[in-house]
């Protein structure tokens, strides 16, 4: 898979989770149709298990999380980095 002819694995676009904020509600797991997240642990917390399944530019899960525990890189910085590598 690629995005703008760049292999997906070369694009640093995926969510990170602040575990101190995550309450394990599972909203991100239920929301994401691309199986990026899973709940693990005791107590359960969201984990990113398939980072490259995340659609480049999508950050909707950031807004779904009731605790604000999910974030993505700045898309403008990612695009600038990709331009420099071409």
Protein backbone atom coordinates (compact mmCIF):
# COMPACT_ATOMS: atom_id res chain seq x y z
CA UNK A 1 0.00 0.00 0.00
CA UNK A 2 1.18 3.53 -0.68
CA UNK A 3 0.09 7.13 -0.32
CA UNK A 4 1.08 9.59 -3.05
CA UNK A 5 3.46 6.90 -4.34
CA UNK A 6 5.25 6.69 -0.98
CA UNK A 7 5.22 3.26 0.71
CA UNK A 8 2.91 3.42 3.72
CA UNK A 9 5.64 2.17 6.06
CA UNK A 10 7.67 5.30 5.20
CA UNK A 11 4.92 7.66 6.38
CA UNK A 12 5.00 8.46 10.11
CA UNK A 13 1.23 8.87 10.41
CA UNK A 14 -0.39 6.87 13.19
CA UNK A 15 -1.93 7.57 16.58
CA UNK A 16 -0.18 7.63 19.91
CA UNK A 17 -1.98 7.06 23.17
CA UNK A 18 -1.28 8.81 26.46
CA UNK A 19 -1.79 5.85 28.80
CA UNK A 20 -2.15 8.14 31.79
CA UNK A 21 -5.30 9.60 30.20
CA UNK A 22 -6.76 6.41 28.71
CA UNK A 23 -9.67 5.01 30.75
CA UNK A 24 -10.09 1.89 28.61
CA UNK A 25 -13.57 2.80 27.39
CA UNK A 26 -12.94 1.21 23.98
CA UNK A 27 -14.45 4.08 21.98
CA UNK A 28 -11.42 4.10 19.65
CA UNK A 29 -11.57 0.32 19.14
CA UNK A 30 -15.26 0.47 18.22
CA UNK A 31 -14.82 3.56 16.04
CA UNK A 32 -11.81 2.60 13.91
CA UNK A 33 -12.79 0.36 11.00
CA UNK A 34 -9.13 -0.33 10.22
CA UNK A 35 -8.26 -2.33 13.35
CA UNK A 36 -5.61 0.11 14.49
CA UNK A 37 -6.48 -0.31 18.20
CA UNK A 38 -7.03 -3.06 20.73
CA UNK A 39 -7.78 -3.04 24.46
CA UNK A 40 -5.11 -4.84 26.50
CA UNK A 41 -4.04 -5.18 30.09
CA UNK A 42 -5.65 -5.11 33.49
CA UNK A 43 -7.14 -2.58 33.71
CA UNK A 44 -7.62 -2.48 29.94
CA UNK A 45 -6.02 0.36 28.03
CA UNK A 46 -6.06 1.13 24.32
CA UNK A 47 -2.96 0.08 22.39
CA UNK A 48 -1.98 0.77 18.80
CA UNK A 49 -1.41 -2.65 17.25
CA UNK A 50 -1.63 -1.88 13.51
CA UNK A 51 -0.17 1.62 13.11
CA UNK A 52 0.16 1.43 9.33
CA UNK A 53 -3.53 0.55 8.97
CA UNK A 54 -4.25 4.14 10.02
CA UNK A 55 -5.45 6.18 7.05
CA UNK A 56 -2.98 8.99 6.35
CA UNK A 57 -4.60 12.28 7.27
CA UNK A 58 -7.38 10.73 9.37
CA UNK A 59 -7.37 11.80 13.00
CA UNK A 60 -11.05 11.29 13.79
CA UNK A 61 -10.25 9.00 16.72
CA UNK A 62 -8.56 11.97 18.43
CA UNK A 63 -12.00 13.56 18.67
CA UNK A 64 -13.80 10.32 19.60
CA UNK A 65 -11.67 9.76 22.72
CA UNK A 66 -13.56 11.26 25.69
CA UNK A 67 -10.31 11.75 27.61
CA UNK A 68 -8.23 13.30 24.83
CA UNK A 69 -5.74 10.44 25.13
CA UNK A 70 -5.18 9.97 21.38
CA UNK A 71 -3.07 12.22 19.19
CA UNK A 72 -1.52 12.21 15.74
CA UNK A 73 1.46 14.07 14.30
CA UNK A 74 0.90 17.40 12.58
CA UNK A 75 -0.12 16.56 9.00
CA UNK A 76 1.68 19.63 7.66
CA UNK A 77 4.95 18.37 9.18
CA UNK A 78 4.42 14.90 7.72
CA UNK A 79 3.77 16.34 4.25
CA UNK A 80 6.85 18.59 4.52
CA UNK A 81 8.96 15.57 5.50
CA UNK A 82 7.64 13.58 2.55
CA UNK A 83 8.46 16.42 0.16
CA UNK A 84 12.03 16.54 1.47
CA UNK A 85 12.50 12.80 0.88
CA UNK A 86 11.43 12.88 -2.79
